[in-house]
C-alpha atoms as a PDB file:
ATOM      1  CA  MET A   1       0.150  -0.151   0.072  1.00  0.00           C
ATOM      2  CA  THR A   2       2.920   2.462   0.664  1.00  0.00           C
ATOM      3  CA  ALA A   3       4.204   1.953  -2.660  1.00  0.00           C
ATOM      4  CA  ALA A   4       0.564   2.279  -4.212  1.00  0.00           C
ATOM      5  CA  ASN A   5       0.276   5.901  -2.004  1.00  0.00           C
ATOM      6  CA  ALA A   6       3.630   6.933  -3.357  1.00  0.00           C
ATOM      7  CA  GLY A   7       2.753   6.578  -6.645  1.00  0.00           C
ATOM      8  CA  ILE A   8      -0.202   8.369  -6.489  1.00  0.00           C
ATOM      9  CA  GLU A   9       1.713  11.443  -4.951  1.00  0.00           C
ATOM     10  CA  GLY A  10       4.101  11.085  -7.912  1.00  0.00           C
ATOM     11  CA  LEU A  11       1.335  10.993 -10.432  1.00  0.00           C
ATOM     12  CA  GLY A  12      -0.199  13.916  -8.742  1.00  0.00           C
ATOM     13  CA  ARG A  13       3.049  16.174  -8.764  1.00  0.00           C
ATOM     14  CA  SER A  14       3.600  15.227 -12.481  1.00  0.00           C
ATOM     15  CA  LEU A  15      -0.247  15.997 -13.351  1.00  0.00           C
ATOM     16  CA  ALA A  16       0.400  19.338 -12.005  1.00  0.00           C
ATOM     17  CA  ILE A  17       3.028  20.511 -14.005  1.00  0.00           C
ATOM     18  CA  GLU A  18       1.756  18.484 -17.261  1.00  0.00           C
ATOM     19  CA  LEU A  19      -1.660  20.070 -16.983  1.00  0.00           C
ATOM     20  CA  ALA A  20      -0.744  23.228 -15.382  1.00  0.00           C
ATOM     21  CA  PRO A  21      -2.338  25.823 -15.205  1.00  0.00           C
ATOM     22  CA  VAL A  22      -5.095  23.170 -14.457  1.00  0.00           C
ATOM     23  CA  ARG A  23      -4.459  22.245 -10.948  1.00  0.00           C
ATOM     24  CA  VAL A  24      -3.911  18.733  -9.658  1.00  0.00           C
ATOM     25  CA  ASN A  25      -3.807  17.703  -6.064  1.00  0.00           C
ATOM     26  CA  VAL A  26      -4.059  14.304  -3.774  1.00  0.00           C
ATOM     27  CA  LEU A  27      -5.793  13.863  -0.775  1.00  0.00           C
ATOM     28  CA  ASN A  28      -3.854  10.917   1.658  1.00  0.00           C
ATOM     29  CA  PRO A  29      -6.625   9.458   4.054  1.00  0.00           C
ATOM     30  CA  GLY A  30      -5.851   7.905   7.207  1.00  0.00           C
ATOM     31  CA  ILE A  31      -8.625   5.973   8.989  1.00  0.00           C
ATOM     32  CA  PHE A  32     -11.811   7.549   8.027  1.00  0.00           C
ATOM     33  CA  ASP A  33     -15.326   6.383   9.688  1.00  0.00           C
ATOM     34  CA  THR A  34     -17.220   5.262   6.444  1.00  0.00           C
ATOM     35  CA  PRO A  35     -19.388   2.445   4.928  1.00  0.00           C
ATOM     36  CA  SER A  36     -16.142   0.830   3.617  1.00  0.00           C
ATOM     37  CA  TRP A  37     -15.555  -0.696   7.102  1.00  0.00           C
ATOM     38  CA  SER A  38     -19.163  -2.137   6.925  1.00  0.00           C
ATOM     39  CA  GLU A  39     -17.783  -5.793   6.308  1.00  0.00           C
ATOM     40  CA  MET A  40     -15.992  -5.631   9.718  1.00  0.00           C
ATOM     41  CA  PRO A  41     -18.387  -6.800  12.223  1.00  0.00           C
ATOM     42  CA  GLU A  42     -19.791  -3.590  14.527  1.00  0.00           C
ATOM     43  CA  ALA A  43     -18.246  -4.536  17.887  1.00  0.00           C
ATOM     44  CA  GLU A  44     -14.871  -5.261  16.031  1.00  0.00           C
ATOM     45  CA  ARG A  45     -15.038  -2.055  14.099  1.00  0.00           C
ATOM     46  CA  ARG A  46     -15.975   0.169  16.907  1.00  0.00           C
ATOM     47  CA  ALA A  47     -12.647  -1.280  18.929  1.00  0.00           C
ATOM     48  CA  PHE A  48     -10.645  -0.564  15.682  1.00  0.00           C
ATOM     49  CA  PHE A  49     -11.840   2.812  15.545  1.00  0.00           C
ATOM     50  CA  GLU A  50     -11.337   3.666  19.614  1.00  0.00           C
ATOM     51  CA  SER A  51      -7.826   1.804  19.352  1.00  0.00           C
ATOM     52  CA  THR A  52      -6.701   4.288  16.115  1.00  0.00           C
ATOM     53  CA  ALA A  53      -8.480   7.400  17.787  1.00  0.00           C
ATOM     54  CA  GLY A  54      -6.085   6.726  20.915  1.00  0.00           C
ATOM     55  CA  SER A  55      -3.094   6.577  18.666  1.00  0.00           C
ATOM     56  CA  VAL A  56      -3.698   9.751  16.839  1.00  0.00           C
ATOM     57  CA  PRO A  57      -2.895  13.638  18.099  1.00  0.00           C
ATOM     58  CA  ALA A  58      -6.406  14.729  16.938  1.00  0.00           C
ATOM     59  CA  GLY A  59      -7.749  11.944  19.511  1.00  0.00           C
ATOM     60  CA  ARG A  60     -10.139  10.378  16.652  1.00  0.00           C
ATOM     61  CA  VAL A  61     -10.507   9.065  13.136  1.00  0.00           C
ATOM     62  CA  GLY A  62     -11.714  10.867  10.591  1.00  0.00           C
ATOM     63  CA  GLU A  63     -15.341  11.773   9.421  1.00  0.00           C
ATOM     64  CA  PRO A  64     -16.509  12.346   5.731  1.00  0.00           C
ATOM     65  CA  ALA A  65     -17.089  15.722   6.630  1.00  0.00           C
ATOM     66  CA  ASP A  66     -13.308  16.299   7.310  1.00  0.00           C
ATOM     67  CA  ALA A  67     -12.384  14.928   3.942  1.00  0.00           C
ATOM     68  CA  ALA A  68     -15.183  17.427   2.272  1.00  0.00           C
ATOM     69  CA  HIS A  69     -13.624  20.304   3.843  1.00  0.00           C
ATOM     70  CA  ALA A  70      -9.934  19.209   2.640  1.00  0.00           C
ATOM     71  CA  VAL A  71     -11.808  18.865  -1.002  1.00  0.00           C
ATOM     72  CA  ALA A  72     -13.017  22.497  -0.309  1.00  0.00           C
ATOM     73  CA  PHE A  73     -10.110  23.766   0.884  1.00  0.00           C
ATOM     74  CA  LEU A  74      -8.294  22.561  -2.391  1.00  0.00           C
ATOM     75  CA  LEU A  75     -11.116  23.773  -4.920  1.00  0.00           C
ATOM     76  CA  ASP A  76     -10.985  27.097  -3.627  1.00  0.00           C
ATOM     77  CA  ASN A  77      -7.444  27.820  -2.973  1.00  0.00           C
ATOM     78  CA  PRO A  78      -6.262  28.799  -6.251  1.00  0.00           C
ATOM     79  CA  HIS A  79      -2.278  28.789  -5.098  1.00  0.00           C
ATOM     80  CA  VAL A  80      -2.416  25.113  -4.365  1.00  0.00           C
ATOM     81  CA  THR A  81      -1.272  22.638  -7.096  1.00  0.00           C
ATOM     82  CA  GLY A  82       0.903  19.474  -6.801  1.00  0.00           C
ATOM     83  CA  THR A  83       0.210  18.750  -3.243  1.00  0.00           C
ATOM     84  CA  THR A  84      -0.318  15.663  -1.232  1.00  0.00           C
ATOM     85  CA  LEU A  85      -2.828  16.759   1.695  1.00  0.00           C
ATOM     86  CA  THR A  86      -2.623  14.133   4.499  1.00  0.00           C
ATOM     87  CA  LEU A  87      -6.042  13.993   6.219  1.00  0.00           C
ATOM     88  CA  ASP A  88      -4.659  11.340   9.011  1.00  0.00           C
ATOM     89  CA  GLY A  89      -5.321  13.295  12.686  1.00  0.00           C
ATOM     90  CA  GLY A  90      -1.562  13.511  13.000  1.00  0.00           C
ATOM     91  CA  GLY A  91      -0.823  10.118  12.605  1.00  0.00           C
ATOM     92  CA  LEU A  92       2.147  10.644  10.525  1.00  0.00           C
ATOM     93  CA  LEU A  93       3.757  12.502  13.805  1.00  0.00           C
ATOM     94  CA  VAL A  94       3.768   9.490  15.867  1.00  0.00           C
END
């Protein structure tokens, strides 16, 4: 997964150069409470989210609204391009 993420980040930077002035940015999400976890049993999922929340500085897992705010920022700011915005509650810091 790490190699795939690095490839996507590199692709985003390359496309930002090749497609300029069209802006290209990449979102790198951490753990988010979304339906993609619905296959995991509810109790196991809650325990996983609580464990994850306890291990990141933000103290919680991401919510869909967090990603929406990040996308809105990237769309609204015309001076941001070729960037990867990490949404992981500070997980990369620990």
